[in-house]
Amino acid sequence: MKSRKHSFFILSNAILGLITCFSYLYVWLTYAFMESMLSWQPLVTLVFAMVVFFLWNKWLLLRERRKYWLQAVFSYGATIVVFIYFLTK
């Protein structure tokens, strides 16, 4: 993978992670506030975001090696973990 494409790939997965966090919080605050964060509306948003993540990387990594999937999952997951860390701080 070329350097430019690799940078775009990592950045796009980090942005998808942020969009996942913000959309989950938005849906929870809008539709299920004062209920469990694991109610069905936010969980549907989370599942939808993960499907978008999978389809985006399936398209982007069509001709690449499998090791890039690990980088995709790590950049997506690490962004979410860092977001949660700073949200609870």
PDB file of N, CA and C in Angstrom:
ATOM      1  N   MET A   1       0.851  -1.167   0.000  1.00  0.00           N
ATOM      2  CA  MET A   1       0.000   0.000   0.000  1.00  0.00           C
ATOM      3  C   MET A   1       0.900   1.234   0.000  1.00  0.00           C
ATOM      4  N   LYS A   2       0.557   2.170  -0.826  1.00  0.00           N
ATOM      5  CA  LYS A   2       1.335   3.405  -0.886  1.00  0.00           C
ATOM      6  C   LYS A   2       1.122   4.225   0.380  1.00  0.00           C
ATOM      7  N   SER A   3       2.087   5.076   0.660  1.00  0.00           N
ATOM      8  CA  SER A   3       2.064   5.866   1.890  1.00  0.00           C
ATOM      9  C   SER A   3       0.845   6.782   1.953  1.00  0.00           C
ATOM     10  N   ARG A   4       0.518   7.386   0.852  1.00  0.00           N
ATOM     11  CA  ARG A   4      -0.623   8.315   0.825  1.00  0.00           C
ATOM     12  C   ARG A   4      -1.942   7.580   1.088  1.00  0.00           C
ATOM     13  N   LYS A   5      -2.085   6.423   0.461  1.00  0.00           N
ATOM     14  CA  LYS A   5      -3.298   5.629   0.659  1.00  0.00           C
ATOM     15  C   LYS A   5      -3.353   5.089   2.088  1.00  0.00           C
ATOM     16  N   HIS A   6      -2.209   4.700   2.625  1.00  0.00           N
ATOM     17  CA  HIS A   6      -2.162   4.181   3.992  1.00  0.00           C
ATOM     18  C   HIS A   6      -2.551   5.262   4.998  1.00  0.00           C
ATOM     19  N   SER A   7      -2.074   6.473   4.789  1.00  0.00           N
ATOM     20  CA  SER A   7      -2.445   7.580   5.677  1.00  0.00           C
ATOM     21  C   SER A   7      -3.943   7.860   5.595  1.00  0.00           C
ATOM     22  N   PHE A   8      -4.475   7.870   4.385  1.00  0.00           N
ATOM     23  CA  PHE A   8      -5.916   8.069   4.202  1.00  0.00           C
ATOM     24  C   PHE A   8      -6.710   6.956   4.873  1.00  0.00           C
ATOM     25  N   PHE A   9      -6.223   5.746   4.755  1.00  0.00           N
ATOM     26  CA  PHE A   9      -6.866   4.573   5.338  1.00  0.00           C
ATOM     27  C   PHE A   9      -6.929   4.674   6.860  1.00  0.00           C
ATOM     28  N   ILE A  10      -5.828   5.020   7.510  1.00  0.00           N
ATOM     29  CA  ILE A  10      -5.793   5.145   8.971  1.00  0.00           C
ATOM     30  C   ILE A  10      -6.665   6.319   9.419  1.00  0.00           C
ATOM     31  N   LEU A  11      -6.549   7.444   8.734  1.00  0.00           N
ATOM     32  CA  LEU A  11      -7.333   8.625   9.092  1.00  0.00           C
ATOM     33  C   LEU A  11      -8.833   8.388   8.906  1.00  0.00           C
ATOM     34  N   SER A  12      -9.209   7.727   7.833  1.00  0.00           N
ATOM     35  CA  SER A  12     -10.636   7.473   7.608  1.00  0.00           C
ATOM     36  C   SER A  12     -11.209   6.534   8.665  1.00  0.00           C
ATOM     37  N   ASN A  13     -10.439   5.568   9.123  1.00  0.00           N
ATOM     38  CA  ASN A  13     -10.926   4.685  10.181  1.00  0.00           C
ATOM     39  C   ASN A  13     -11.025   5.416  11.513  1.00  0.00           C
ATOM     40  N   ALA A  14     -10.103   6.321  11.772  1.00  0.00           N
ATOM     41  CA  ALA A  14     -10.190   7.122  12.997  1.00  0.00           C
ATOM     42  C   ALA A  14     -11.417   8.036  12.946  1.00  0.00           C
ATOM     43  N   ILE A  15     -11.686   8.620  11.792  1.00  0.00           N
ATOM     44  CA  ILE A  15     -12.871   9.471  11.643  1.00  0.00           C
ATOM     45  C   ILE A  15     -14.147   8.644  11.793  1.00  0.00           C
ATOM     46  N   LEU A  16     -14.161   7.439  11.236  1.00  0.00           N
ATOM     47  CA  LEU A  16     -15.314   6.562  11.424  1.00  0.00           C
ATOM     48  C   LEU A  16     -15.520   6.224  12.896  1.00  0.00           C
ATOM     49  N   GLY A  17     -14.431   6.055  13.635  1.00  0.00           N
ATOM     50  CA  GLY A  17     -14.537   5.804  15.068  1.00  0.00           C
ATOM     51  C   GLY A  17     -15.156   6.980  15.803  1.00  0.00           C
ATOM     52  N   LEU A  18     -14.737   8.190  15.452  1.00  0.00           N
ATOM     53  CA  LEU A  18     -15.327   9.383  16.074  1.00  0.00           C
ATOM     54  C   LEU A  18     -16.800   9.547  15.711  1.00  0.00           C
ATOM     55  N   ILE A  19     -17.125   9.305  14.457  1.00  0.00           N
ATOM     56  CA  ILE A  19     -18.520   9.393  14.035  1.00  0.00           C
ATOM     57  C   ILE A  19     -19.362   8.362  14.781  1.00  0.00           C
ATOM     58  N   THR A  20     -18.807   7.186  14.996  1.00  0.00           N
ATOM     59  CA  THR A  20     -19.513   6.158  15.760  1.00  0.00           C
ATOM     60  C   THR A  20     -19.810   6.636  17.171  1.00  0.00           C
ATOM     61  N   CYS A  21     -18.803   7.207  17.830  1.00  0.00           N
ATOM     62  CA  CYS A  21     -18.992   7.690  19.208  1.00  0.00           C
ATOM     63  C   CYS A  21     -20.029   8.800  19.278  1.00  0.00           C
ATOM     64  N   PHE A  22     -19.899   9.790  18.419  1.00  0.00           N
ATOM     65  CA  PHE A  22     -20.830  10.916  18.456  1.00  0.00           C
ATOM     66  C   PHE A  22     -22.252  10.499  18.073  1.00  0.00           C
ATOM     67  N   SER A  23     -22.388   9.629  17.094  1.00  0.00           N
ATOM     68  CA  SER A  23     -23.736   9.199  16.709  1.00  0.00           C
ATOM     69  C   SER A  23     -24.373   8.348  17.800  1.00  0.00           C
ATOM     70  N   TYR A  24     -23.588   7.505  18.452  1.00  0.00           N
ATOM     71  CA  TYR A  24     -24.114   6.707  19.566  1.00  0.00           C
ATOM     72  C   TYR A  24     -24.601   7.614  20.693  1.00  0.00           C
ATOM     73  N   LEU A  25     -23.776   8.600  21.065  1.00  0.00           N
ATOM     74  CA  LEU A  25     -24.183   9.524  22.125  1.00  0.00           C
ATOM     75  C   LEU A  25     -25.388  10.365  21.717  1.00  0.00           C
ATOM     76  N   TYR A  26     -25.411  10.820  20.480  1.00  0.00           N
ATOM     77  CA  TYR A  26     -26.536  11.625  19.999  1.00  0.00           C
ATOM     78  C   TYR A  26     -27.845  10.840  20.068  1.00  0.00           C
ATOM     79  N   VAL A  27     -27.809   9.613  19.575  1.00  0.00           N
ATOM     80  CA  VAL A  27     -29.027   8.800  19.586  1.00  0.00           C
ATOM     81  C   VAL A  27     -29.430   8.462  21.012  1.00  0.00           C
ATOM     82  N   TRP A  28     -28.466   8.188  21.862  1.00  0.00           N
ATOM     83  CA  TRP A  28     -28.802   7.888  23.253  1.00  0.00           C
ATOM     84  C   TRP A  28     -29.428   9.101  23.935  1.00  0.00           C
ATOM     85  N   LEU A  29     -28.837  10.282  23.738  1.00  0.00           N
ATOM     86  CA  LEU A  29     -29.388  11.488  24.359  1.00  0.00           C
ATOM     87  C   LEU A  29     -30.744  11.876  23.777  1.00  0.00           C
ATOM     88  N   THR A  30     -30.940  11.635  22.498  1.00  0.00           N
ATOM     89  CA  THR A  30     -32.178  12.033  21.845  1.00  0.00           C
ATOM     90  C   THR A  30     -33.338  11.082  22.139  1.00  0.00           C
ATOM     91  N   TYR A  31     -33.084   9.787  22.063  1.00  0.00           N
ATOM     92  CA  TYR A  31     -34.187   8.828  22.142  1.00  0.00           C
ATOM     93  C   TYR A  31     -34.253   8.019  23.435  1.00  0.00           C
ATOM     94  N   ALA A  32     -33.152   7.876  24.140  1.00  0.00           N
ATOM     95  CA  ALA A  32     -33.164   6.967  25.285  1.00  0.00           C
ATOM     96  C   ALA A  32     -32.525   7.586  26.522  1.00  0.00           C
ATOM     97  N   PHE A  33     -32.599   8.886  26.657  1.00  0.00           N
ATOM     98  CA  PHE A  33     -31.983   9.540  27.807  1.00  0.00           C
ATOM     99  C   PHE A  33     -32.666   9.086  29.086  1.00  0.00           C
ATOM    100  N   MET A  34     -31.904   8.943  30.136  1.00  0.00           N
ATOM    101  CA  MET A  34     -32.347   8.461  31.442  1.00  0.00           C
ATOM    102  C   MET A  34     -32.684   6.965  31.426  1.00  0.00           C
ATOM    103  N   GLU A  35     -32.343   6.296  30.366  1.00  0.00           N
ATOM    104  CA  GLU A  35     -32.464   4.846  30.299  1.00  0.00           C
ATOM    105  C   GLU A  35     -31.059   4.277  30.218  1.00  0.00           C
ATOM    106  N   SER A  36     -30.976   2.987  30.138  1.00  0.00           N
ATOM    107  CA  SER A  36     -29.682   2.330  30.010  1.00  0.00           C
ATOM    108  C   SER A  36     -29.019   2.725  28.691  1.00  0.00           C
ATOM    109  N   MET A  37     -27.687   2.812  28.715  1.00  0.00           N
ATOM    110  CA  MET A  37     -26.971   3.115  27.471  1.00  0.00           C
ATOM    111  C   MET A  37     -27.005   1.926  26.521  1.00  0.00           C
ATOM    112  N   LEU A  38     -27.485   0.803  26.999  1.00  0.00           N
ATOM    113  CA  LEU A  38     -27.583  -0.385  26.159  1.00  0.00           C
ATOM    114  C   LEU A  38     -29.012  -0.627  25.682  1.00  0.00           C
ATOM    115  N   SER A  39     -29.808   0.419  25.590  1.00  0.00           N
ATOM    116  CA  SER A  39     -31.154   0.269  25.042  1.00  0.00           C
ATOM    117  C   SER A  39     -31.055   0.071  23.528  1.00  0.00           C
ATOM    118  N   TRP A  40     -32.153  -0.273  22.905  1.00  0.00           N
ATOM    119  CA  TRP A  40     -32.075  -0.728  21.521  1.00  0.00           C
ATOM    120  C   TRP A  40     -31.747   0.361  20.520  1.00  0.00           C
ATOM    121  N   GLN A  41     -32.163   1.608  20.728  1.00  0.00           N
ATOM    122  CA  GLN A  41     -31.876   2.660  19.746  1.00  0.00           C
ATOM    123  C   GLN A  41     -30.371   2.926  19.609  1.00  0.00           C
ATOM    124  N   PRO A  42     -29.638   3.130  20.703  1.00  0.00           N
ATOM    125  CA  PRO A  42     -28.199   3.321  20.548  1.00  0.00           C
ATOM    126  C   PRO A  42     -27.477   2.078  20.028  1.00  0.00           C
ATOM    127  N   LEU A  43     -27.965   0.906  20.404  1.00  0.00           N
ATOM    128  CA  LEU A  43     -27.323  -0.315  19.918  1.00  0.00           C
ATOM    129  C   LEU A  43     -27.520  -0.502  18.419  1.00  0.00           C
ATOM    130  N   VAL A  44     -28.665  -0.101  17.907  1.00  0.00           N
ATOM    131  CA  VAL A  44     -28.887  -0.158  16.458  1.00  0.00           C
ATOM    132  C   VAL A  44     -27.920   0.789  15.752  1.00  0.00           C
ATOM    133  N   THR A  45     -27.709   1.951  16.328  1.00  0.00           N
ATOM    134  CA  THR A  45     -26.744   2.901  15.769  1.00  0.00           C
ATOM    135  C   THR A  45     -25.338   2.318  15.786  1.00  0.00           C
ATOM    136  N   LEU A  46     -24.986   1.660  16.863  1.00  0.00           N
ATOM    137  CA  LEU A  46     -23.665   1.044  16.978  1.00  0.00           C
ATOM    138  C   LEU A  46     -23.484  -0.071  15.948  1.00  0.00           C
ATOM    139  N   VAL A  47     -24.485  -0.899  15.778  1.00  0.00           N
ATOM    140  CA  VAL A  47     -24.416  -1.974  14.782  1.00  0.00           C
ATOM    141  C   VAL A  47     -24.327  -1.387  13.377  1.00  0.00           C
ATOM    142  N   PHE A  48     -25.112  -0.352  13.100  1.00  0.00           N
ATOM    143  CA  PHE A  48     -25.060   0.300  11.793  1.00  0.00           C
ATOM    144  C   PHE A  48     -23.670   0.878  11.523  1.00  0.00           C
ATOM    145  N   ALA A  49     -23.073   1.519  12.528  1.00  0.00           N
ATOM    146  CA  ALA A  49     -21.736   2.096  12.359  1.00  0.00           C
ATOM    147  C   ALA A  49     -20.699   1.011  12.103  1.00  0.00           C
ATOM    148  N   MET A  50     -20.839  -0.124  12.745  1.00  0.00           N
ATOM    149  CA  MET A  50     -19.891  -1.220  12.516  1.00  0.00           C
ATOM    150  C   MET A  50     -20.068  -1.843  11.136  1.00  0.00           C
ATOM    151  N   VAL A  51     -21.299  -1.882  10.645  1.00  0.00           N
ATOM    152  CA  VAL A  51     -21.533  -2.366   9.281  1.00  0.00           C
ATOM    153  C   VAL A  51     -20.902  -1.405   8.275  1.00  0.00           C
ATOM    154  N   VAL A  52     -21.053  -0.104   8.505  1.00  0.00           N
ATOM    155  CA  VAL A  52     -20.413   0.891   7.633  1.00  0.00           C
ATOM    156  C   VAL A  52     -18.896   0.728   7.679  1.00  0.00           C
ATOM    157  N   PHE A  53     -18.342   0.521   8.878  1.00  0.00           N
ATOM    158  CA  PHE A  53     -16.903   0.293   9.023  1.00  0.00           C
ATOM    159  C   PHE A  53     -16.468  -0.924   8.210  1.00  0.00           C
ATOM    160  N   PHE A  54     -17.196  -2.017   8.332  1.00  0.00           N
ATOM    161  CA  PHE A  54     -16.837  -3.234   7.611  1.00  0.00           C
ATOM    162  C   PHE A  54     -16.908  -3.029   6.106  1.00  0.00           C
ATOM    163  N   LEU A  55     -17.993  -2.429   5.618  1.00  0.00           N
ATOM    164  CA  LEU A  55     -18.143  -2.219   4.175  1.00  0.00           C
ATOM    165  C   LEU A  55     -17.100  -1.247   3.630  1.00  0.00           C
ATOM    166  N   TRP A  56     -16.802  -0.192   4.382  1.00  0.00           N
ATOM    167  CA  TRP A  56     -15.792   0.777   3.959  1.00  0.00           C
ATOM    168  C   TRP A  56     -14.429   0.100   3.808  1.00  0.00           C
ATOM    169  N   ASN A  57     -14.049  -0.692   4.800  1.00  0.00           N
ATOM    170  CA  ASN A  57     -12.751  -1.352   4.735  1.00  0.00           C
ATOM    171  C   ASN A  57     -12.730  -2.485   3.723  1.00  0.00           C
ATOM    172  N   LYS A  58     -13.849  -3.150   3.520  1.00  0.00           N
ATOM    173  CA  LYS A  58     -13.931  -4.182   2.487  1.00  0.00           C
ATOM    174  C   LYS A  58     -13.676  -3.562   1.118  1.00  0.00           C
ATOM    175  N   TRP A  59     -14.245  -2.383   0.886  1.00  0.00           N
ATOM    176  CA  TRP A  59     -14.039  -1.703  -0.387  1.00  0.00           C
ATOM    177  C   TRP A  59     -12.618  -1.152  -0.498  1.00  0.00           C
ATOM    178  N   LEU A  60     -12.126  -0.554   0.585  1.00  0.00           N
ATOM    179  CA  LEU A  60     -10.813   0.083   0.546  1.00  0.00           C
ATOM    180  C   LEU A  60      -9.684  -0.942   0.488  1.00  0.00           C
ATOM    181  N   LEU A  61      -9.865  -2.082   1.125  1.00  0.00           N
ATOM    182  CA  LEU A  61      -8.811  -3.099   1.207  1.00  0.00           C
ATOM    183  C   LEU A  61      -9.066  -4.268   0.267  1.00  0.00           C
ATOM    184  N   LEU A  62      -9.722  -3.998  -0.827  1.00  0.00           N
ATOM    185  CA  LEU A  62     -10.104  -5.053  -1.753  1.00  0.00           C
ATOM    186  C   LEU A  62      -8.902  -5.848  -2.264  1.00  0.00           C
ATOM    187  N   ARG A  63      -7.832  -5.178  -2.599  1.00  0.00           N
ATOM    188  CA  ARG A  63      -6.658  -5.844  -3.177  1.00  0.00           C
ATOM    189  C   ARG A  63      -5.443  -5.816  -2.261  1.00  0.00           C
ATOM    190  N   GLU A  64      -5.650  -5.577  -1.005  1.00  0.00           N
ATOM    191  CA  GLU A  64      -4.534  -5.477  -0.056  1.00  0.00           C
ATOM    192  C   GLU A  64      -4.430  -6.750   0.787  1.00  0.00           C
ATOM    193  N   ARG A  65      -3.313  -6.846   1.513  1.00  0.00           N
ATOM    194  CA  ARG A  65      -3.095  -8.012   2.368  1.00  0.00           C
ATOM    195  C   ARG A  65      -3.958  -7.929   3.618  1.00  0.00           C
ATOM    196  N   ARG A  66      -4.086  -9.067   4.287  1.00  0.00           N
ATOM    197  CA  ARG A  66      -4.940  -9.155   5.471  1.00  0.00           C
ATOM    198  C   ARG A  66      -4.407  -8.377   6.663  1.00  0.00           C
ATOM    199  N   LYS A  67      -3.122  -8.089   6.691  1.00  0.00           N
ATOM    200  CA  LYS A  67      -2.571  -7.385   7.857  1.00  0.00           C
ATOM    201  C   LYS A  67      -3.171  -5.992   8.018  1.00  0.00           C
ATOM    202  N   TYR A  68      -3.677  -5.431   6.949  1.00  0.00           N
ATOM    203  CA  TYR A  68      -4.278  -4.104   7.036  1.00  0.00           C
ATOM    204  C   TYR A  68      -5.620  -4.128   7.761  1.00  0.00           C
ATOM    205  N   TRP A  69      -6.273  -5.283   7.794  1.00  0.00           N
ATOM    206  CA  TRP A  69      -7.511  -5.387   8.569  1.00  0.00           C
ATOM    207  C   TRP A  69      -7.233  -5.191  10.047  1.00  0.00           C
ATOM    208  N   LEU A  70      -6.124  -5.730  10.520  1.00  0.00           N
ATOM    209  CA  LEU A  70      -5.758  -5.544  11.923  1.00  0.00           C
ATOM    210  C   LEU A  70      -5.498  -4.070  12.215  1.00  0.00           C
ATOM    211  N   GLN A  71      -4.840  -3.383  11.308  1.00  0.00           N
ATOM    212  CA  GLN A  71      -4.608  -1.949  11.477  1.00  0.00           C
ATOM    213  C   GLN A  71      -5.928  -1.179  11.450  1.00  0.00           C
ATOM    214  N   ALA A  72      -6.847  -1.611  10.606  1.00  0.00           N
ATOM    215  CA  ALA A  72      -8.154  -0.946  10.534  1.00  0.00           C
ATOM    216  C   ALA A  72      -8.908  -1.097  11.844  1.00  0.00           C
ATOM    217  N   VAL A  73      -8.954  -2.309  12.359  1.00  0.00           N
ATOM    218  CA  VAL A  73      -9.661  -2.551  13.619  1.00  0.00           C
ATOM    219  C   VAL A  73      -8.984  -1.801  14.757  1.00  0.00           C
ATOM    220  N   PHE A  74      -7.654  -1.782  14.765  1.00  0.00           N
ATOM    221  CA  PHE A  74      -6.940  -1.085  15.833  1.00  0.00           C
ATOM    222  C   PHE A  74      -7.191   0.421  15.785  1.00  0.00           C
ATOM    223  N   SER A  75      -7.115   1.031  14.608  1.00  0.00           N
ATOM    224  CA  SER A  75      -7.317   2.484  14.537  1.00  0.00           C
ATOM    225  C   SER A  75      -8.761   2.856  14.873  1.00  0.00           C
ATOM    226  N   TYR A  76      -9.704   2.055  14.451  1.00  0.00           N
ATOM    227  CA  TYR A  76     -11.121   2.286  14.770  1.00  0.00           C
ATOM    228  C   TYR A  76     -11.369   2.104  16.266  1.00  0.00           C
ATOM    229  N   GLY A  77     -10.903   0.991  16.797  1.00  0.00           N
ATOM    230  CA  GLY A  77     -11.107   0.700  18.219  1.00  0.00           C
ATOM    231  C   GLY A  77     -10.351   1.640  19.134  1.00  0.00           C
ATOM    232  N   ALA A  78      -9.119   1.983  18.766  1.00  0.00           N
ATOM    233  CA  ALA A  78      -8.321   2.885  19.600  1.00  0.00           C
ATOM    234  C   ALA A  78      -8.950   4.272  19.660  1.00  0.00           C
ATOM    235  N   THR A  79      -9.515   4.722  18.565  1.00  0.00           N
ATOM    236  CA  THR A  79     -10.191   6.016  18.569  1.00  0.00           C
ATOM    237  C   THR A  79     -11.378   5.998  19.524  1.00  0.00           C
ATOM    238  N   ILE A  80     -12.138   4.920  19.504  1.00  0.00           N
ATOM    239  CA  ILE A  80     -13.288   4.805  20.403  1.00  0.00           C
ATOM    240  C   ILE A  80     -12.835   4.735  21.853  1.00  0.00           C
ATOM    241  N   VAL A  81     -11.781   3.968  22.136  1.00  0.00           N
ATOM    242  CA  VAL A  81     -11.276   3.846  23.511  1.00  0.00           C
ATOM    243  C   VAL A  81     -10.751   5.184  24.021  1.00  0.00           C
ATOM    244  N   VAL A  82     -10.016   5.918  23.199  1.00  0.00           N
ATOM    245  CA  VAL A  82      -9.502   7.230  23.604  1.00  0.00           C
ATOM    246  C   VAL A  82     -10.660   8.197  23.830  1.00  0.00           C
ATOM    247  N   PHE A  83     -11.674   8.143  22.982  1.00  0.00           N
ATOM    248  CA  PHE A  83     -12.856   8.990  23.160  1.00  0.00           C
ATOM    249  C   PHE A  83     -13.531   8.691  24.495  1.00  0.00           C
ATOM    250  N   ILE A  84     -13.710   7.430  24.806  1.00  0.00           N
ATOM    251  CA  ILE A  84     -14.335   7.042  26.079  1.00  0.00           C
ATOM    252  C   ILE A  84     -13.471   7.468  27.251  1.00  0.00           C
ATOM    253  N   TYR A  85     -12.160   7.325  27.117  1.00  0.00           N
ATOM    254  CA  TYR A  85     -11.252   7.717  28.196  1.00  0.00           C
ATOM    255  C   TYR A  85     -11.388   9.208  28.512  1.00  0.00           C
ATOM    256  N   PHE A  86     -11.357  10.043  27.477  1.00  0.00           N
ATOM    257  CA  PHE A  86     -11.458  11.485  27.712  1.00  0.00           C
ATOM    258  C   PHE A  86     -12.873  11.909  28.100  1.00  0.00           C
ATOM    259  N   LEU A  87     -13.867  11.136  27.727  1.00  0.00           N
ATOM    260  CA  LEU A  87     -15.237  11.441  28.117  1.00  0.00           C
ATOM    261  C   LEU A  87     -15.453  11.181  29.607  1.00  0.00           C
ATOM    262  N   THR A  88     -14.784  10.185  30.146  1.00  0.00           N
ATOM    263  CA  THR A  88     -14.952   9.846  31.561  1.00  0.00           C
ATOM    264  C   THR A  88     -13.957  10.555  32.454  1.00  0.00           C
ATOM    265  N   LYS A  89     -13.031  11.257  31.920  1.00  0.00           N
ATOM    266  CA  LYS A  89     -12.005  11.956  32.699  1.00  0.00           C
ATOM    267  C   LYS A  89     -12.564  13.175  33.341  1.00  0.00           C
TER     268      LYS A  89
END
